[in-house]
Amino acid sequence: GQMDAGNASALLYCIKYKKFSLRKIGGGGFGEIYDALDLLTRENVALKVESAQQPKQVLKMEVAVLKKLQGRAVPWICQKMT
């Protein structure tokens, strides 16, 4: 299913416990894209957030495609905290 747009100032806690300040820059039926600032390193990154309801096969396929496209892509698995 499609994710809620959420609040642009929301924070995500990722598997490595990094905090990101987010600004939504796009999205669609398969997830939302955010311009993010890593609050620990001050590095700007892009994050794609997908619904946990998405079938695991779809997510695995997307990670494989991203790795091929970006070479050394390191996918982050995030959980939206409210």
PDB file of N, CA and C in Angstrom:
ATOM      1  N   GLY A   1       0.810  -1.187   0.000  1.00  0.00           N
ATOM      2  CA  GLY A   1       0.000   0.000   0.000  1.00  0.00           C
ATOM      3  C   GLY A   1       0.856   1.255   0.000  1.00  0.00           C
ATOM      4  N   GLN A   2       0.232   2.357  -0.282  1.00  0.00           N
ATOM      5  CA  GLN A   2       0.932   3.642  -0.336  1.00  0.00           C
ATOM      6  C   GLN A   2       1.116   4.191   1.076  1.00  0.00           C
ATOM      7  N   MET A   3       2.278   4.798   1.317  1.00  0.00           N
ATOM      8  CA  MET A   3       2.566   5.357   2.641  1.00  0.00           C
ATOM      9  C   MET A   3       1.938   6.722   2.789  1.00  0.00           C
ATOM     10  N   ASP A   4       1.699   7.085   3.996  1.00  0.00           N
ATOM     11  CA  ASP A   4       1.262   8.413   4.381  1.00  0.00           C
ATOM     12  C   ASP A   4       2.341   9.431   4.064  1.00  0.00           C
ATOM     13  N   ALA A   5       1.977  10.595   3.627  1.00  0.00           N
ATOM     14  CA  ALA A   5       2.973  11.627   3.300  1.00  0.00           C
ATOM     15  C   ALA A   5       3.793  11.987   4.534  1.00  0.00           C
ATOM     16  N   GLY A   6       3.158  11.975   5.695  1.00  0.00           N
ATOM     17  CA  GLY A   6       3.898  12.277   6.921  1.00  0.00           C
ATOM     18  C   GLY A   6       4.276  13.741   7.024  1.00  0.00           C
ATOM     19  N   ASN A   7       5.019  14.079   8.050  1.00  0.00           N
ATOM     20  CA  ASN A   7       5.445  15.454   8.287  1.00  0.00           C
ATOM     21  C   ASN A   7       6.864  15.633   7.781  1.00  0.00           C
ATOM     22  N   ALA A   8       7.112  16.711   7.027  1.00  0.00           N
ATOM     23  CA  ALA A   8       8.440  16.951   6.436  1.00  0.00           C
ATOM     24  C   ALA A   8       9.527  17.069   7.490  1.00  0.00           C
ATOM     25  N   SER A   9       9.174  17.414   8.722  1.00  0.00           N
ATOM     26  CA  SER A   9      10.193  17.551   9.766  1.00  0.00           C
ATOM     27  C   SER A   9      10.347  16.276  10.597  1.00  0.00           C
ATOM     28  N   ALA A  10       9.744  15.178  10.146  1.00  0.00           N
ATOM     29  CA  ALA A  10       9.818  13.914  10.890  1.00  0.00           C
ATOM     30  C   ALA A  10      11.254  13.417  10.966  1.00  0.00           C
ATOM     31  N   LEU A  11      11.546  12.622  11.978  1.00  0.00           N
ATOM     32  CA  LEU A  11      12.864  11.994  12.095  1.00  0.00           C
ATOM     33  C   LEU A  11      12.715  10.501  11.876  1.00  0.00           C
ATOM     34  N   LEU A  12      13.702   9.900  11.229  1.00  0.00           N
ATOM     35  CA  LEU A  12      13.734   8.445  11.085  1.00  0.00           C
ATOM     36  C   LEU A  12      14.880   7.912  11.930  1.00  0.00           C
ATOM     37  N   TYR A  13      14.630   6.815  12.613  1.00  0.00           N
ATOM     38  CA  TYR A  13      15.700   6.100  13.303  1.00  0.00           C
ATOM     39  C   TYR A  13      15.984   4.880  12.444  1.00  0.00           C
ATOM     40  N   CYS A  14      17.200   4.753  11.949  1.00  0.00           N
ATOM     41  CA  CYS A  14      17.554   3.667  11.049  1.00  0.00           C
ATOM     42  C   CYS A  14      18.261   2.562  11.815  1.00  0.00           C
ATOM     43  N   ILE A  15      18.533   1.478  11.115  1.00  0.00           N
ATOM     44  CA  ILE A  15      19.102   0.314  11.791  1.00  0.00           C
ATOM     45  C   ILE A  15      20.431   0.594  12.460  1.00  0.00           C
ATOM     46  N   LYS A  16      21.152   1.584  12.014  1.00  0.00           N
ATOM     47  CA  LYS A  16      22.411   1.937  12.679  1.00  0.00           C
ATOM     48  C   LYS A  16      22.203   3.091  13.653  1.00  0.00           C
ATOM     49  N   TYR A  17      20.949   3.365  13.994  1.00  0.00           N
ATOM     50  CA  TYR A  17      20.569   4.373  14.981  1.00  0.00           C
ATOM     51  C   TYR A  17      21.014   5.777  14.616  1.00  0.00           C
ATOM     52  N   LYS A  18      21.092   6.058  13.325  1.00  0.00           N
ATOM     53  CA  LYS A  18      21.389   7.423  12.899  1.00  0.00           C
ATOM     54  C   LYS A  18      20.085   8.198  12.869  1.00  0.00           C
ATOM     55  N   LYS A  19      20.163   9.490  13.095  1.00  0.00           N
ATOM     56  CA  LYS A  19      18.987  10.352  13.019  1.00  0.00           C
ATOM     57  C   LYS A  19      19.109  11.200  11.768  1.00  0.00           C
ATOM     58  N   PHE A  20      17.994  11.376  11.085  1.00  0.00           N
ATOM     59  CA  PHE A  20      17.974  12.174   9.872  1.00  0.00           C
ATOM     60  C   PHE A  20      16.894  13.235   9.967  1.00  0.00           C
ATOM     61  N   SER A  21      17.214  14.443   9.550  1.00  0.00           N
ATOM     62  CA  SER A  21      16.227  15.502   9.392  1.00  0.00           C
ATOM     63  C   SER A  21      15.773  15.403   7.941  1.00  0.00           C
ATOM     64  N   LEU A  22      14.465  15.335   7.716  1.00  0.00           N
ATOM     65  CA  LEU A  22      13.944  15.011   6.394  1.00  0.00           C
ATOM     66  C   LEU A  22      13.141  16.123   5.755  1.00  0.00           C
ATOM     67  N   ARG A  23      13.222  16.157   4.414  1.00  0.00           N
ATOM     68  CA  ARG A  23      12.349  17.012   3.609  1.00  0.00           C
ATOM     69  C   ARG A  23      11.919  16.167   2.423  1.00  0.00           C
ATOM     70  N   LYS A  24      10.619  15.919   2.309  1.00  0.00           N
ATOM     71  CA  LYS A  24      10.108  15.078   1.229  1.00  0.00           C
ATOM     72  C   LYS A  24      10.328  15.768  -0.111  1.00  0.00           C
ATOM     73  N   ILE A  25      10.885  15.006  -1.087  1.00  0.00           N
ATOM     74  CA  ILE A  25      11.112  15.569  -2.419  1.00  0.00           C
ATOM     75  C   ILE A  25      10.376  14.801  -3.513  1.00  0.00           C
ATOM     76  N   GLY A  26       9.731  13.696  -3.173  1.00  0.00           N
ATOM     77  CA  GLY A  26       8.982  12.951  -4.180  1.00  0.00           C
ATOM     78  C   GLY A  26       8.418  11.671  -3.613  1.00  0.00           C
ATOM     79  N   GLY A  27       7.682  10.976  -4.448  1.00  0.00           N
ATOM     80  CA  GLY A  27       7.127   9.708  -4.014  1.00  0.00           C
ATOM     81  C   GLY A  27       6.074   9.207  -4.969  1.00  0.00           C
ATOM     82  N   GLY A  28       5.614   8.004  -4.701  1.00  0.00           N
ATOM     83  CA  GLY A  28       4.602   7.387  -5.535  1.00  0.00           C
ATOM     84  C   GLY A  28       4.061   6.150  -4.854  1.00  0.00           C
ATOM     85  N   GLY A  29       3.576   5.230  -5.663  1.00  0.00           N
ATOM     86  CA  GLY A  29       2.958   4.019  -5.142  1.00  0.00           C
ATOM     87  C   GLY A  29       3.923   3.080  -4.446  1.00  0.00           C
ATOM     88  N   PHE A  30       5.224   3.223  -4.705  1.00  0.00           N
ATOM     89  CA  PHE A  30       6.199   2.304  -4.136  1.00  0.00           C
ATOM     90  C   PHE A  30       7.043   2.906  -3.026  1.00  0.00           C
ATOM     91  N   GLY A  31       6.776   4.129  -2.610  1.00  0.00           N
ATOM     92  CA  GLY A  31       7.539   4.711  -1.518  1.00  0.00           C
ATOM     93  C   GLY A  31       7.680   6.211  -1.646  1.00  0.00           C
ATOM     94  N   GLU A  32       8.412   6.790  -0.721  1.00  0.00           N
ATOM     95  CA  GLU A  32       8.636   8.233  -0.682  1.00  0.00           C
ATOM     96  C   GLU A  32      10.136   8.504  -0.679  1.00  0.00           C
ATOM     97  N   ILE A  33      10.541   9.593  -1.339  1.00  0.00           N
ATOM     98  CA  ILE A  33      11.945   9.978  -1.419  1.00  0.00           C
ATOM     99  C   ILE A  33      12.134  11.251  -0.596  1.00  0.00           C
ATOM    100  N   TYR A  34      13.176  11.256   0.231  1.00  0.00           N
ATOM    101  CA  TYR A  34      13.465  12.395   1.092  1.00  0.00           C
ATOM    102  C   TYR A  34      14.885  12.902   0.859  1.00  0.00           C
ATOM    103  N   ASP A  35      15.038  14.221   0.882  1.00  0.00           N
ATOM    104  CA  ASP A  35      16.347  14.857   0.988  1.00  0.00           C
ATOM    105  C   ASP A  35      16.609  14.832   2.489  1.00  0.00           C
ATOM    106  N   ALA A  36      17.707  14.237   2.900  1.00  0.00           N
ATOM    107  CA  ALA A  36      17.935  14.039   4.329  1.00  0.00           C
ATOM    108  C   ALA A  36      19.297  14.570   4.749  1.00  0.00           C
ATOM    109  N   LEU A  37      19.364  15.017   5.977  1.00  0.00           N
ATOM    110  CA  LEU A  37      20.614  15.458   6.581  1.00  0.00           C
ATOM    111  C   LEU A  37      20.907  14.523   7.742  1.00  0.00           C
ATOM    112  N   ASP A  38      22.043  13.828   7.670  1.00  0.00           N
ATOM    113  CA  ASP A  38      22.471  12.970   8.769  1.00  0.00           C
ATOM    114  C   ASP A  38      22.870  13.904   9.909  1.00  0.00           C
ATOM    115  N   LEU A  39      22.148  13.860  11.008  1.00  0.00           N
ATOM    116  CA  LEU A  39      22.375  14.800  12.105  1.00  0.00           C
ATOM    117  C   LEU A  39      23.680  14.533  12.858  1.00  0.00           C
ATOM    118  N   LEU A  40      24.285  13.368  12.653  1.00  0.00           N
ATOM    119  CA  LEU A  40      25.559  13.071  13.311  1.00  0.00           C
ATOM    120  C   LEU A  40      26.746  13.529  12.476  1.00  0.00           C
ATOM    121  N   THR A  41      26.709  13.247  11.159  1.00  0.00           N
ATOM    122  CA  THR A  41      27.851  13.573  10.294  1.00  0.00           C
ATOM    123  C   THR A  41      27.647  14.858   9.505  1.00  0.00           C
ATOM    124  N   ARG A  42      26.431  15.393   9.501  1.00  0.00           N
ATOM    125  CA  ARG A  42      26.044  16.589   8.735  1.00  0.00           C
ATOM    126  C   ARG A  42      26.127  16.336   7.226  1.00  0.00           C
ATOM    127  N   GLU A  43      26.080  15.077   6.802  1.00  0.00           N
ATOM    128  CA  GLU A  43      26.147  14.712   5.394  1.00  0.00           C
ATOM    129  C   GLU A  43      24.740  14.692   4.795  1.00  0.00           C
ATOM    130  N   ASN A  44      24.600  15.283   3.588  1.00  0.00           N
ATOM    131  CA  ASN A  44      23.326  15.230   2.879  1.00  0.00           C
ATOM    132  C   ASN A  44      23.236  13.916   2.111  1.00  0.00           C
ATOM    133  N   VAL A  45      22.100  13.254   2.251  1.00  0.00           N
ATOM    134  CA  VAL A  45      21.858  11.982   1.569  1.00  0.00           C
ATOM    135  C   VAL A  45      20.423  11.960   1.063  1.00  0.00           C
ATOM    136  N   ALA A  46      20.122  10.997   0.219  1.00  0.00           N
ATOM    137  CA  ALA A  46      18.743  10.762  -0.214  1.00  0.00           C
ATOM    138  C   ALA A  46      18.297   9.448   0.410  1.00  0.00           C
ATOM    139  N   LEU A  47      17.079   9.427   0.910  1.00  0.00           N
ATOM    140  CA  LEU A  47      16.521   8.214   1.512  1.00  0.00           C
ATOM    141  C   LEU A  47      15.225   7.855   0.808  1.00  0.00           C
ATOM    142  N   LYS A  48      15.047   6.580   0.537  1.00  0.00           N
ATOM    143  CA  LYS A  48      13.771   6.098   0.029  1.00  0.00           C
ATOM    144  C   LYS A  48      13.139   5.293   1.147  1.00  0.00           C
ATOM    145  N   VAL A  49      11.910   5.631   1.483  1.00  0.00           N
ATOM    146  CA  VAL A  49      11.183   4.969   2.560  1.00  0.00           C
ATOM    147  C   VAL A  49      10.021   4.219   1.932  1.00  0.00           C
ATOM    148  N   GLU A  50       9.945   2.923   2.204  1.00  0.00           N
ATOM    149  CA  GLU A  50       8.878   2.098   1.658  1.00  0.00           C
ATOM    150  C   GLU A  50       8.063   1.501   2.784  1.00  0.00           C
ATOM    151  N   SER A  51       6.834   1.177   2.458  1.00  0.00           N
ATOM    152  CA  SER A  51       5.927   0.580   3.423  1.00  0.00           C
ATOM    153  C   SER A  51       6.412  -0.806   3.830  1.00  0.00           C
ATOM    154  N   ALA A  52       6.272  -1.126   5.102  1.00  0.00           N
ATOM    155  CA  ALA A  52       6.606  -2.462   5.591  1.00  0.00           C
ATOM    156  C   ALA A  52       5.613  -3.487   5.049  1.00  0.00           C
ATOM    157  N   GLN A  53       4.502  -3.018   4.499  1.00  0.00           N
ATOM    158  CA  GLN A  53       3.490  -3.903   3.931  1.00  0.00           C
ATOM    159  C   GLN A  53       3.882  -4.403   2.540  1.00  0.00           C
ATOM    160  N   GLN A  54       4.916  -3.808   1.949  1.00  0.00           N
ATOM    161  CA  GLN A  54       5.389  -4.202   0.616  1.00  0.00           C
ATOM    162  C   GLN A  54       5.892  -5.647   0.680  1.00  0.00           C
ATOM    163  N   PRO A  55       5.543  -6.484  -0.294  1.00  0.00           N
ATOM    164  CA  PRO A  55       6.045  -7.870  -0.283  1.00  0.00           C
ATOM    165  C   PRO A  55       7.575  -7.906  -0.275  1.00  0.00           C
ATOM    166  N   LYS A  56       8.146  -8.815   0.524  1.00  0.00           N
ATOM    167  CA  LYS A  56       9.606  -8.892   0.667  1.00  0.00           C
ATOM    168  C   LYS A  56      10.309  -9.129  -0.666  1.00  0.00           C
ATOM    169  N   GLN A  57       9.702  -9.895  -1.567  1.00  0.00           N
ATOM    170  CA  GLN A  57      10.322 -10.155  -2.871  1.00  0.00           C
ATOM    171  C   GLN A  57      10.509  -8.863  -3.651  1.00  0.00           C
ATOM    172  N   VAL A  58       9.528  -7.957  -3.573  1.00  0.00           N
ATOM    173  CA  VAL A  58       9.614  -6.669  -4.269  1.00  0.00           C
ATOM    174  C   VAL A  58      10.777  -5.862  -3.704  1.00  0.00           C
ATOM    175  N   LEU A  59      10.902  -5.827  -2.385  1.00  0.00           N
ATOM    176  CA  LEU A  59      11.984  -5.075  -1.750  1.00  0.00           C
ATOM    177  C   LEU A  59      13.349  -5.665  -2.095  1.00  0.00           C
ATOM    178  N   LYS A  60      13.463  -6.997  -2.082  1.00  0.00           N
ATOM    179  CA  LYS A  60      14.734  -7.643  -2.424  1.00  0.00           C
ATOM    180  C   LYS A  60      15.133  -7.327  -3.859  1.00  0.00           C
ATOM    181  N   MET A  61      14.160  -7.346  -4.778  1.00  0.00           N
ATOM    182  CA  MET A  61      14.443  -7.054  -6.175  1.00  0.00           C
ATOM    183  C   MET A  61      14.914  -5.607  -6.332  1.00  0.00           C
ATOM    184  N   GLU A  62      14.262  -4.684  -5.622  1.00  0.00           N
ATOM    185  CA  GLU A  62      14.645  -3.275  -5.719  1.00  0.00           C
ATOM    186  C   GLU A  62      16.059  -3.043  -5.188  1.00  0.00           C
ATOM    187  N   VAL A  63      16.410  -3.668  -4.088  1.00  0.00           N
ATOM    188  CA  VAL A  63      17.762  -3.537  -3.540  1.00  0.00           C
ATOM    189  C   VAL A  63      18.784  -4.055  -4.551  1.00  0.00           C
ATOM    190  N   ALA A  64      18.503  -5.185  -5.196  1.00  0.00           N
ATOM    191  CA  ALA A  64      19.421  -5.747  -6.193  1.00  0.00           C
ATOM    192  C   ALA A  64      19.604  -4.787  -7.363  1.00  0.00           C
ATOM    193  N   VAL A  65      18.523  -4.185  -7.831  1.00  0.00           N
ATOM    194  CA  VAL A  65      18.597  -3.235  -8.945  1.00  0.00           C
ATOM    195  C   VAL A  65      19.407  -2.009  -8.537  1.00  0.00           C
ATOM    196  N   LEU A  66      19.153  -1.465  -7.344  1.00  0.00           N
ATOM    197  CA  LEU A  66      19.889  -0.286  -6.878  1.00  0.00           C
ATOM    198  C   LEU A  66      21.380  -0.571  -6.756  1.00  0.00           C
ATOM    199  N   LYS A  67      21.731  -1.751  -6.271  1.00  0.00           N
ATOM    200  CA  LYS A  67      23.147  -2.105  -6.153  1.00  0.00           C
ATOM    201  C   LYS A  67      23.816  -2.114  -7.523  1.00  0.00           C
ATOM    202  N   LYS A  68      23.113  -2.640  -8.537  1.00  0.00           N
ATOM    203  CA  LYS A  68      23.684  -2.678  -9.891  1.00  0.00           C
ATOM    204  C   LYS A  68      23.807  -1.281 -10.479  1.00  0.00           C
ATOM    205  N   LEU A  69      22.815  -0.434 -10.235  1.00  0.00           N
ATOM    206  CA  LEU A  69      22.827   0.913 -10.796  1.00  0.00           C
ATOM    207  C   LEU A  69      23.860   1.814 -10.141  1.00  0.00           C
ATOM    208  N   GLN A  70      24.037   1.689  -8.838  1.00  0.00           N
ATOM    209  CA  GLN A  70      24.892   2.601  -8.101  1.00  0.00           C
ATOM    210  C   GLN A  70      26.241   2.001  -7.741  1.00  0.00           C
ATOM    211  N   GLY A  71      26.490   0.798  -8.130  1.00  0.00           N
ATOM    212  CA  GLY A  71      27.784   0.188  -7.839  1.00  0.00           C
ATOM    213  C   GLY A  71      27.941  -0.200  -6.391  1.00  0.00           C
ATOM    214  N   ARG A  72      28.268   0.729  -5.538  1.00  0.00           N
ATOM    215  CA  ARG A  72      28.514   0.417  -4.124  1.00  0.00           C
ATOM    216  C   ARG A  72      27.390   0.917  -3.226  1.00  0.00           C
ATOM    217  N   ALA A  73      26.170   0.806  -3.676  1.00  0.00           N
ATOM    218  CA  ALA A  73      25.015   1.258  -2.888  1.00  0.00           C
ATOM    219  C   ALA A  73      24.941   0.490  -1.571  1.00  0.00           C
ATOM    220  N   VAL A  74      24.640   1.215  -0.521  1.00  0.00           N
ATOM    221  CA  VAL A  74      24.447   0.595   0.785  1.00  0.00           C
ATOM    222  C   VAL A  74      23.012   0.870   1.200  1.00  0.00           C
ATOM    223  N   PRO A  75      22.110  -0.091   1.002  1.00  0.00           N
ATOM    224  CA  PRO A  75      20.716   0.165   1.345  1.00  0.00           C
ATOM    225  C   PRO A  75      20.513   0.272   2.855  1.00  0.00           C
ATOM    226  N   TRP A  76      19.694   1.193   3.242  1.00  0.00           N
ATOM    227  CA  TRP A  76      19.310   1.365   4.644  1.00  0.00           C
ATOM    228  C   TRP A  76      17.886   0.863   4.791  1.00  0.00           C
ATOM    229  N   ILE A  77      17.636   0.147   5.850  1.00  0.00           N
ATOM    230  CA  ILE A  77      16.276  -0.274   6.153  1.00  0.00           C
ATOM    231  C   ILE A  77      15.831   0.581   7.320  1.00  0.00           C
ATOM    232  N   CYS A  78      14.766   1.335   7.107  1.00  0.00           N
ATOM    233  CA  CYS A  78      14.330   2.291   8.125  1.00  0.00           C
ATOM    234  C   CYS A  78      12.912   1.988   8.575  1.00  0.00           C
ATOM    235  N   GLN A  79      12.598   2.443   9.758  1.00  0.00           N
ATOM    236  CA  GLN A  79      11.257   2.318  10.293  1.00  0.00           C
ATOM    237  C   GLN A  79      10.788   3.714  10.642  1.00  0.00           C
ATOM    238  N   LYS A  80       9.610   4.090  10.166  1.00  0.00           N
ATOM    239  CA  LYS A  80       9.082   5.418  10.463  1.00  0.00           C
ATOM    240  C   LYS A  80       8.566   5.430  11.898  1.00  0.00           C
ATOM    241  N   MET A  81       9.061   6.355  12.665  1.00  0.00           N
ATOM    242  CA  MET A  81       8.655   6.480  14.065  1.00  0.00           C
ATOM    243  C   MET A  81       7.677   7.640  14.186  1.00  0.00           C
ATOM    244  N   THR A  82       6.613   7.459  14.961  1.00  0.00           N
ATOM    245  CA  THR A  82       5.637   8.539  15.145  1.00  0.00           C
ATOM    246  C   THR A  82       5.680   9.049  16.560  1.00  0.00           C
TER     247      THR A  82
END
